Amino acid sequence: MVILSFGAEVIQAKSLSWQDCINIANQNNQTLLMAKQDLQIAEYDYNVILNQYYPSVNFRYGFSRSGNGHTENNWSASLNASQTIYSFSDTAQIKGKKASINKTVAQLTKSCADVYYSLREAFLKMSYAQENVTLLQSIYELRKQSADIVRLQYEGGKESKGNMLRAQAQKQSAYVNAENAKRELAVARRILAQTLGKDLDNNITVNHKLSEIKDNKVIDIDSAVYDCPDVIISSASINITKCSLSSVKGSLYPSISASASIGVSDNEKPIPPAESKQWNVGVALNYPILSGGLTKTLNSIKSSQTALEKANESYKQTILSTKTSLEENAAEIERTKDNIEIYQMFLEAATQRQKEATVKYRAGTMEFQTWQDIEQEYVNNQISHLSALHNYNVALAKRDKLLGSSNGEIK
């Protein structure tokens, strides 16, 4: 593993392993950091709302002067305390903030899974781009060799000028493709840097080679869907809406509070004597009647009930859409896995056919077009096999994203 200084503005290393990328992203990915901050904010808001059931204490010290024919001073000091004993609305608000924390935790889990997928996708794209550069460079070398063979055949009077020019054009096309692959590698490096949250040196590579990962995981979609972040978030939204409805209904219920105060005052002394002490203790029952108007509470309740119905429908929709996504992903994994095996078989056959065809063309026993068709098939199968490996690995990463899994690496 490369030892890196993550605090540097630009990460400079010869190559990055997957673990290097995980370590950098955990410290610097902005999406992940902001999701953690959202959770902190939700926890702070919950602690704030708890104060509605904590005692409130205030101390006041004052001086006033008044006059009506003669001047009179007044010095006073008082201590006041109040405590909410019961409030249906306040209780509902506290439960709502707690539900918001649960929702934010689910959103953080989703963010971790999203970052994990984005990082995995960028890492795989970088690996694919590197291997694609090597592959297209080898194809260019093949085309160059073939063009030389055709040129020699033409100079010896055994090949047409048109076929010689076509071979030269194929060589130039292969050269351009190899150059474009280098440009795509630069783009892939930028995407990886964005996902990591740190800029990368222009020559940095990733230490990875695409392969067919052994995967035998079987997902029971009907049960796994309830553990998916999108479904959990939608469920949390229902709980928050229920608490909001309860809070609105709180206007129909009384609240009970207690209060106490003690104070002293004097017309002459800045520190009033103890003999001037006054105190008060009381319990109050507050019952709102037509609070806010004739129809405010009624319409607020109806609005919250409709919002709850909407949240329930959204939850059902989320379950169905998530099941569809899981089913599509399972099919994609199997399809791309099958493609790897098929293209591998075709590639082995195409490799052998290309070798045989080149020998026959040089010997003059095979026509140019037939030889070129076989060579093109060999080139196509190389490209398709590499693409299939990339698509399969991305499909596996997408499954982790849907399930909200970061394999314990992004946290």
Protein backbone atom coordinates (compact mmCIF):
# COMPACT_ATOMS: atom_id res chain seq x y z
CA MET A 1 0.00 0.00 0.00
CA VAL A 2 1.17 3.51 -0.84
CA ILE A 3 1.60 5.82 2.16
CA LEU A 4 -0.21 9.05 1.35
CA SER A 5 -0.64 12.46 2.93
CA PHE A 6 -4.38 13.06 2.66
CA GLY A 7 -4.04 16.64 3.87
CA ALA A 8 -2.14 17.67 0.74
CA GLU A 9 -3.96 19.69 -1.90
CA VAL A 10 -2.96 17.22 -4.62
CA ILE A 11 -2.42 13.53 -3.88
CA GLN A 12 0.81 12.40 -5.46
CA ALA A 13 1.59 8.70 -5.72
CA LYS A 14 2.51 6.21 -8.40
CA SER A 15 -0.71 4.25 -7.93
CA LEU A 16 -3.69 3.94 -5.61
CA SER A 17 -5.09 0.71 -4.23
CA TRP A 18 -8.77 0.27 -3.42
CA GLN A 19 -7.98 0.66 0.29
CA ASP A 20 -6.13 3.92 -0.44
CA CYS A 21 -9.24 5.25 -2.16
CA ILE A 22 -11.46 4.16 0.73
CA ASN A 23 -9.24 5.95 3.25
CA ILE A 24 -9.12 9.16 1.21
CA ALA A 25 -12.89 9.21 0.58
CA ASN A 26 -13.72 8.65 4.26
CA GLN A 27 -11.77 11.77 5.15
CA ASN A 28 -12.51 14.03 2.19
CA ASN A 29 -15.66 13.10 0.24
CA GLN A 30 -17.90 16.16 0.56
CA THR A 31 -21.18 14.26 0.16
CA LEU A 32 -20.26 11.97 3.06
CA LEU A 33 -19.09 14.82 5.27
CA MET A 34 -22.28 16.83 4.66
CA ALA A 35 -24.46 13.78 5.42
CA LYS A 36 -22.70 13.40 8.78
CA GLN A 37 -23.26 17.09 9.47
CA ASP A 38 -26.97 16.66 8.69
CA LEU A 39 -27.14 13.99 11.39
CA GLN A 40 -25.41 16.29 13.88
CA ILE A 41 -27.90 19.06 13.07
CA ALA A 42 -30.85 16.67 13.59
CA GLU A 43 -29.45 15.60 16.97
CA TYR A 44 -28.94 19.22 18.02
CA ASP A 45 -32.52 20.06 16.99
CA TYR A 46 -33.80 17.14 19.06
CA ASN A 47 -31.89 18.34 22.11
CA VAL A 48 -33.32 21.83 21.59
CA ILE A 49 -36.93 20.60 21.49
CA LEU A 50 -36.39 18.62 24.72
CA ASN A 51 -36.11 21.95 26.51
CA GLN A 52 -39.89 22.26 26.29
CA TYR A 53 -40.03 19.74 29.16
CA TYR A 54 -37.06 21.16 31.05
CA PRO A 55 -37.62 23.86 33.68
CA SER A 56 -37.17 27.46 32.61
CA VAL A 57 -35.45 29.74 35.15
CA ASN A 58 -34.93 33.51 34.83
CA PHE A 59 -33.26 36.02 37.15
CA ARG A 60 -34.09 39.71 36.90
CA TYR A 61 -32.50 42.68 38.65
CA GLY A 62 -33.79 46.13 37.81
CA PHE A 63 -33.93 49.79 38.75
CA SER A 64 -36.65 52.31 37.83
CA ARG A 65 -37.39 55.94 38.66
CA SER A 66 -40.76 57.62 38.40
CA GLY A 67 -42.15 61.00 39.36
CA ASN A 68 -45.50 62.72 39.88
CA GLY A 69 -44.75 65.80 41.93
CA HIS A 70 -41.99 63.93 43.72
CA THR A 71 -39.38 61.41 42.57
CA GLU A 72 -39.52 57.79 43.58
CA ASN A 73 -36.88 55.11 43.02
CA ASN A 74 -37.38 51.37 42.98
CA TRP A 75 -34.82 48.58 43.19
CA SER A 76 -35.97 45.03 42.60
CA ALA A 77 -34.64 41.51 42.16
CA SER A 78 -36.63 38.41 41.26
CA LEU A 79 -36.20 34.75 40.39
CA ASN A 80 -38.85 33.09 38.20
CA ALA A 81 -39.19 29.40 37.28
CA SER A 82 -41.72 27.53 35.15
CA GLN A 83 -42.16 23.91 34.15
CA THR A 84 -44.39 22.24 31.59
CA ILE A 85 -45.97 19.24 33.30
CA TYR A 86 -47.94 17.95 30.31
CA SER A 87 -48.49 19.13 26.75
CA PHE A 88 -49.85 16.83 24.06
CA SER A 89 -48.47 19.09 21.34
CA ASP A 90 -44.98 19.31 22.86
CA THR A 91 -44.82 15.53 23.27
CA ALA A 92 -45.74 15.07 19.62
CA GLN A 93 -43.07 17.57 18.55
CA ILE A 94 -40.41 15.71 20.55
CA LYS A 95 -41.43 12.42 18.95
CA GLY A 96 -41.31 14.14 15.55
CA LYS A 97 -37.73 15.30 16.12
CA LYS A 98 -36.78 11.77 17.21
CA ALA A 99 -38.33 10.44 14.00
CA SER A 100 -36.32 13.04 12.08
CA ILE A 101 -33.13 11.65 13.61
CA ASN A 102 -34.12 8.14 12.50
CA LYS A 103 -34.75 9.47 9.01
CA THR A 104 -31.40 11.27 8.96
CA VAL A 105 -29.65 8.08 10.08
CA ALA A 106 -31.27 6.28 7.15
CA GLN A 107 -30.21 9.12 4.85
CA LEU A 108 -26.65 8.82 6.15
CA THR A 109 -26.73 5.07 5.42
CA LYS A 110 -27.96 5.87 1.93
CA SER A 111 -25.25 8.51 1.49
CA CYS A 112 -22.58 6.00 2.57
CA ALA A 113 -23.93 3.50 0.05
CA ASP A 114 -24.10 6.17 -2.67
CA VAL A 115 -20.53 7.29 -1.98
CA TYR A 116 -19.37 3.68 -1.92
CA TYR A 117 -21.03 3.05 -5.29
CA SER A 118 -19.71 6.28 -6.81
CA LEU A 119 -16.22 5.46 -5.58
CA ARG A 120 -16.43 1.88 -6.80
CA GLU A 121 -17.78 3.00 -10.15
CA ALA A 122 -15.04 5.64 -10.54
CA PHE A 123 -12.36 3.15 -9.47
CA LEU A 124 -13.63 0.55 -11.96
CA LYS A 125 -13.88 3.19 -14.69
CA MET A 126 -10.27 4.16 -14.03
CA SER A 127 -9.19 0.50 -14.15
CA TYR A 128 -11.15 -0.03 -17.36
CA ALA A 129 -9.68 3.10 -18.94
CA GLN A 130 -6.14 1.93 -18.10
CA GLU A 131 -6.69 -1.52 -19.57
CA ASN A 132 -8.46 0.00 -22.57
CA VAL A 133 -5.40 2.14 -23.32
CA THR A 134 -3.21 -0.99 -23.28
CA LEU A 135 -5.70 -2.96 -25.36
CA LEU A 136 -6.18 -0.30 -28.04
CA GLN A 137 -2.43 0.25 -28.22
CA SER A 138 -1.99 -3.48 -28.91
CA ILE A 139 -4.73 -3.29 -31.56
CA TYR A 140 -2.87 -0.40 -33.16
CA GLU A 141 0.30 -2.50 -33.23
CA LEU A 142 -1.69 -5.33 -34.85
CA ARG A 143 -3.15 -3.00 -37.47
CA LYS A 144 0.27 -1.54 -38.17
CA GLN A 145 1.72 -5.01 -38.64
CA SER A 146 -1.17 -5.96 -40.94
CA ALA A 147 -0.74 -2.77 -42.97
CA ASP A 148 2.95 -3.60 -43.47
CA ILE A 149 2.04 -7.11 -44.65
CA VAL A 150 -0.47 -5.72 -47.19
CA ARG A 151 2.02 -3.08 -48.37
CA LEU A 152 4.66 -5.72 -49.03
CA GLN A 153 2.09 -7.82 -50.88
CA TYR A 154 1.16 -4.77 -52.97
CA GLU A 155 4.78 -3.95 -53.75
CA GLY A 156 5.26 -7.57 -54.83
CA GLY A 157 2.33 -7.30 -57.22
CA LYS A 158 0.15 -9.71 -55.24
CA GLU A 159 -2.33 -7.20 -53.79
CA SER A 160 -4.48 -4.37 -55.09
CA LYS A 161 -3.84 -0.73 -54.32
CA GLY A 162 -7.34 -0.36 -52.85
CA ASN A 163 -6.73 -3.10 -50.29
CA MET A 164 -3.37 -1.54 -49.43
CA LEU A 165 -5.02 1.86 -48.86
CA ARG A 166 -7.76 0.26 -46.75
CA ALA A 167 -5.16 -1.40 -44.52
CA GLN A 168 -3.44 1.98 -44.06
CA ALA A 169 -6.77 3.58 -43.12
CA GLN A 170 -7.43 0.84 -40.55
CA LYS A 171 -4.01 1.49 -39.05
CA GLN A 172 -4.71 5.21 -38.75
CA SER A 173 -8.16 4.50 -37.23
CA ALA A 174 -6.56 2.23 -34.63
CA TYR A 175 -4.04 4.97 -33.81
CA VAL A 176 -6.82 7.53 -33.27
CA ASN A 177 -8.73 5.07 -31.06
CA ALA A 178 -5.61 4.56 -28.93
CA GLU A 179 -5.19 8.33 -28.54
CA ASN A 180 -8.86 8.75 -27.60
CA ALA A 181 -8.44 6.03 -24.96
CA LYS A 182 -5.70 8.15 -23.35
CA ARG A 183 -8.07 11.11 -23.25
CA GLU A 184 -10.77 8.94 -21.67
CA LEU A 185 -8.24 7.87 -19.04
CA ALA A 186 -7.66 11.52 -18.13
CA VAL A 187 -11.42 12.02 -17.75
CA ALA A 188 -11.69 8.88 -15.58
CA ARG A 189 -8.91 10.23 -13.36
CA ARG A 190 -10.85 13.48 -12.89
CA ILE A 191 -14.01 11.57 -11.98
CA LEU A 192 -12.09 9.55 -9.40
CA ALA A 193 -10.59 12.73 -7.93
CA GLN A 194 -14.06 14.30 -7.65
CA THR A 195 -15.37 11.23 -5.83
CA LEU A 196 -12.38 11.11 -3.49
CA GLY A 197 -12.77 14.80 -2.68
CA LYS A 198 -9.09 15.43 -3.47
CA ASP A 199 -7.24 16.35 -6.65
CA LEU A 200 -4.90 13.74 -8.12
CA ASP A 201 -1.56 13.92 -9.84
CA ASN A 202 -1.95 13.73 -13.63
CA ASN A 203 0.08 10.51 -13.89
CA ILE A 204 -1.49 8.58 -11.04
CA THR A 205 -2.98 5.12 -11.75
CA VAL A 206 -5.04 2.59 -9.80
CA ASN A 207 -3.63 -0.76 -8.78
CA HIS A 208 -6.39 -3.01 -10.07
CA LYS A 209 -7.17 -5.38 -12.94
CA LEU A 210 -10.72 -6.17 -14.01
CA SER A 211 -11.74 -9.77 -13.40
CA GLU A 212 -14.81 -11.95 -12.91
CA ILE A 213 -15.54 -11.84 -9.19
CA LYS A 214 -16.92 -15.03 -7.67
CA ASP A 215 -20.38 -14.01 -6.52
CA ASN A 216 -23.02 -16.42 -5.26
CA LYS A 217 -25.15 -13.98 -3.27
CA VAL A 218 -28.88 -14.66 -3.61
CA ILE A 219 -31.24 -11.82 -2.68
CA ASP A 220 -34.81 -12.45 -1.50
CA ILE A 221 -36.25 -9.28 -2.98
CA ASP A 222 -39.55 -9.38 -1.08
CA SER A 223 -37.79 -9.33 2.29
CA ALA A 224 -34.62 -7.41 1.39
CA VAL A 225 -36.61 -4.43 0.12
CA TYR A 226 -37.55 -3.35 3.67
CA ASP A 227 -33.87 -2.93 4.56
CA CYS A 228 -33.16 -0.69 1.56
CA PRO A 229 -32.40 2.95 2.47
CA ASP A 230 -35.05 4.43 0.18
CA VAL A 231 -37.76 2.33 1.84
CA ILE A 232 -36.50 3.11 5.36
CA ILE A 233 -36.41 6.84 4.56
CA SER A 234 -39.95 6.70 3.18
CA SER A 235 -41.11 4.84 6.31
CA ALA A 236 -39.46 7.47 8.51
CA SER A 237 -41.32 10.18 6.58
CA ILE A 238 -44.59 8.50 7.57
CA ASN A 239 -43.61 8.60 11.24
CA ILE A 240 -42.66 12.27 10.99
CA THR A 241 -46.00 13.07 9.34
CA LYS A 242 -47.86 11.16 12.08
CA CYS A 243 -46.10 13.22 14.71
CA SER A 244 -46.93 16.39 12.82
CA LEU A 245 -50.60 15.37 12.80
CA SER A 246 -50.47 14.69 16.55
CA SER A 247 -48.86 18.07 17.12
CA VAL A 248 -51.68 19.79 15.24
CA LYS A 249 -54.27 17.85 17.25
CA GLY A 250 -52.55 19.17 20.36
CA SER A 251 -54.58 22.33 19.90
CA LEU A 252 -57.62 20.29 21.00
CA TYR A 253 -56.07 19.15 24.28
CA PRO A 254 -55.26 21.08 27.46
CA SER A 255 -51.76 21.64 28.77
CA ILE A 256 -50.62 21.77 32.38
CA SER A 257 -47.79 23.90 33.66
CA ALA A 258 -46.35 24.97 37.00
CA SER A 259 -44.67 28.25 37.93
CA ALA A 260 -42.95 29.79 40.93
CA SER A 261 -41.35 33.14 41.64
CA ILE A 262 -39.65 34.97 44.45
CA GLY A 263 -38.55 38.60 44.59
CA VAL A 264 -37.56 41.54 46.74
CA SER A 265 -37.86 45.32 46.18
CA ASP A 266 -36.94 48.58 47.93
CA ASN A 267 -37.23 52.31 47.19
CA GLU A 268 -33.87 53.27 48.65
CA LYS A 269 -31.38 50.40 48.73
CA PRO A 270 -29.76 48.84 45.64
CA ILE A 271 -29.88 45.53 47.52
CA PRO A 272 -33.45 45.22 48.85
CA PRO A 273 -33.85 43.82 52.35
CA ALA A 274 -35.16 40.33 52.96
CA GLU A 275 -38.24 41.78 54.69
CA SER A 276 -39.55 42.96 51.30
CA LYS A 277 -39.68 39.43 49.93
CA GLN A 278 -42.66 38.36 47.83
CA TRP A 279 -43.27 34.87 46.45
CA ASN A 280 -45.73 33.05 44.25
CA VAL A 281 -46.38 29.36 43.39
CA GLY A 282 -49.03 28.16 40.99
CA VAL A 283 -50.29 25.45 38.66
CA ALA A 284 -52.18 26.37 35.49
CA LEU A 285 -54.47 24.43 33.18
CA ASN A 286 -54.57 25.95 29.72
CA TYR A 287 -57.34 24.85 27.36
CA PRO A 288 -57.36 26.55 23.94
CA ILE A 289 -60.79 27.48 22.64
CA LEU A 290 -60.96 28.52 19.00
CA SER A 291 -57.22 29.18 19.11
CA GLY A 292 -56.19 30.98 15.94
CA GLY A 293 -59.72 31.31 14.61
CA LEU A 294 -62.86 29.26 13.95
CA THR A 295 -61.46 26.86 11.35
CA LYS A 296 -57.69 26.95 11.84
CA THR A 297 -57.38 23.73 13.87
CA LEU A 298 -59.91 21.82 11.78
CA ASN A 299 -58.25 22.68 8.48
CA SER A 300 -54.77 22.09 9.89
CA ILE A 301 -55.82 18.59 10.97
CA LYS A 302 -57.34 17.83 7.57
CA SER A 303 -54.17 19.09 5.86
CA SER A 304 -51.98 16.87 8.06
CA GLN A 305 -54.24 13.86 7.49
CA THR A 306 -53.96 14.34 3.72
CA ALA A 307 -50.18 14.65 4.04
CA LEU A 308 -50.16 11.36 5.97
CA GLU A 309 -52.19 9.65 3.26
CA LYS A 310 -49.76 10.99 0.68
CA ALA A 311 -46.78 9.70 2.70
CA ASN A 312 -48.38 6.24 2.85
CA GLU A 313 -48.91 6.20 -0.91
CA SER A 314 -45.32 7.34 -1.44
CA TYR A 315 -44.14 4.48 0.81
CA LYS A 316 -46.06 1.93 -1.27
CA GLN A 317 -44.65 3.42 -4.46
CA THR A 318 -41.11 3.31 -3.06
CA ILE A 319 -41.45 -0.37 -2.16
CA LEU A 320 -42.65 -1.28 -5.66
CA SER A 321 -40.02 0.81 -7.45
CA THR A 322 -37.23 -0.56 -5.22
CA LYS A 323 -38.34 -4.13 -5.90
CA THR A 324 -38.24 -3.37 -9.62
CA SER A 325 -34.73 -1.92 -9.31
CA LEU A 326 -33.52 -4.97 -7.37
CA GLU A 327 -35.05 -7.31 -9.96
CA GLU A 328 -33.50 -5.38 -12.83
CA ASN A 329 -30.13 -5.39 -11.08
CA ALA A 330 -30.27 -9.15 -10.46
CA ALA A 331 -30.97 -9.69 -14.16
CA GLU A 332 -28.17 -7.31 -15.11
CA ILE A 333 -25.68 -9.19 -12.92
CA GLU A 334 -26.57 -12.53 -14.50
CA ARG A 335 -26.61 -11.07 -18.01
CA THR A 336 -23.21 -9.43 -17.72
CA LYS A 337 -21.78 -12.54 -16.07
CA ASP A 338 -23.00 -14.67 -18.99
CA ASN A 339 -21.54 -12.14 -21.43
CA ILE A 340 -18.09 -12.57 -19.88
CA GLU A 341 -18.18 -16.32 -20.45
CA ILE A 342 -19.54 -15.97 -24.00
CA TYR A 343 -17.03 -13.31 -25.07
CA GLN A 344 -14.22 -15.31 -23.48
CA MET A 345 -15.14 -18.30 -25.64
CA PHE A 346 -15.44 -16.14 -28.75
CA LEU A 347 -12.14 -14.45 -27.93
CA GLU A 348 -10.28 -17.75 -27.65
CA ALA A 349 -11.70 -18.86 -30.99
CA ALA A 350 -11.03 -15.47 -32.64
CA THR A 351 -7.42 -15.46 -31.38
CA GLN A 352 -6.76 -18.84 -33.00
CA ARG A 353 -8.59 -17.90 -36.21
CA GLN A 354 -6.61 -14.67 -36.53
CA LYS A 355 -3.30 -16.50 -36.25
CA GLU A 356 -4.34 -19.06 -38.84
CA ALA A 357 -5.75 -16.42 -41.19
CA THR A 358 -2.55 -14.33 -41.11
CA VAL A 359 -0.46 -17.38 -42.07
CA LYS A 360 -2.82 -18.19 -44.93
CA TYR A 361 -2.92 -14.61 -46.23
CA ARG A 362 0.86 -14.38 -46.27
CA ALA A 363 0.96 -17.66 -48.16
CA GLY A 364 -1.51 -16.30 -50.70
CA THR A 365 -4.21 -18.89 -49.92
CA MET A 366 -6.73 -16.46 -48.39
CA GLU A 367 -8.30 -13.32 -49.81
CA PHE A 368 -7.73 -9.94 -48.21
CA GLN A 369 -11.38 -9.37 -47.26
CA THR A 370 -11.73 -12.74 -45.54
CA TRP A 371 -8.53 -12.16 -43.61
CA GLN A 372 -9.66 -8.68 -42.55
CA ASP A 373 -13.09 -9.93 -41.45
CA ILE A 374 -11.41 -12.48 -39.18
CA GLU A 375 -9.02 -9.86 -37.81
CA GLN A 376 -11.92 -7.45 -37.15
CA GLU A 377 -13.78 -10.19 -35.30
CA TYR A 378 -10.68 -10.72 -33.13
CA VAL A 379 -10.49 -6.99 -32.36
CA ASN A 380 -14.22 -6.75 -31.57
CA ASN A 381 -14.12 -9.69 -29.18
CA GLN A 382 -11.17 -8.23 -27.27
CA ILE A 383 -13.06 -4.96 -26.78
CA SER A 384 -16.33 -6.72 -25.90
CA HIS A 385 -14.68 -9.00 -23.34
CA LEU A 386 -13.07 -6.07 -21.50
CA SER A 387 -16.35 -4.15 -21.58
CA ALA A 388 -18.24 -7.16 -20.19
CA LEU A 389 -15.82 -7.42 -17.25
CA HIS A 390 -16.36 -3.75 -16.47
CA ASN A 391 -20.16 -3.95 -16.75
CA TYR A 392 -20.31 -7.01 -14.47
CA ASN A 393 -18.29 -5.36 -11.71
CA VAL A 394 -20.38 -2.18 -11.93
CA ALA A 395 -23.59 -4.24 -11.67
CA LEU A 396 -22.32 -5.83 -8.44
CA ALA A 397 -21.53 -2.38 -7.03
CA LYS A 398 -25.01 -1.17 -7.99
CA ARG A 399 -26.55 -3.99 -5.95
CA ASP A 400 -24.68 -2.79 -2.85
CA LYS A 401 -25.99 0.71 -3.48
CA LEU A 402 -29.62 -0.47 -3.69
CA LEU A 403 -29.24 -2.50 -0.50
CA GLY A 404 -27.57 0.39 1.32
CA SER A 405 -24.39 -1.59 1.83
CA SER A 406 -20.90 -0.12 1.84
CA ASN A 407 -19.37 -3.36 3.15
CA GLY A 408 -18.31 -1.50 6.26
CA GLU A 409 -15.72 0.48 4.28
CA ILE A 410 -17.42 3.87 3.94
CA LYS A 411 -18.38 5.18 7.39
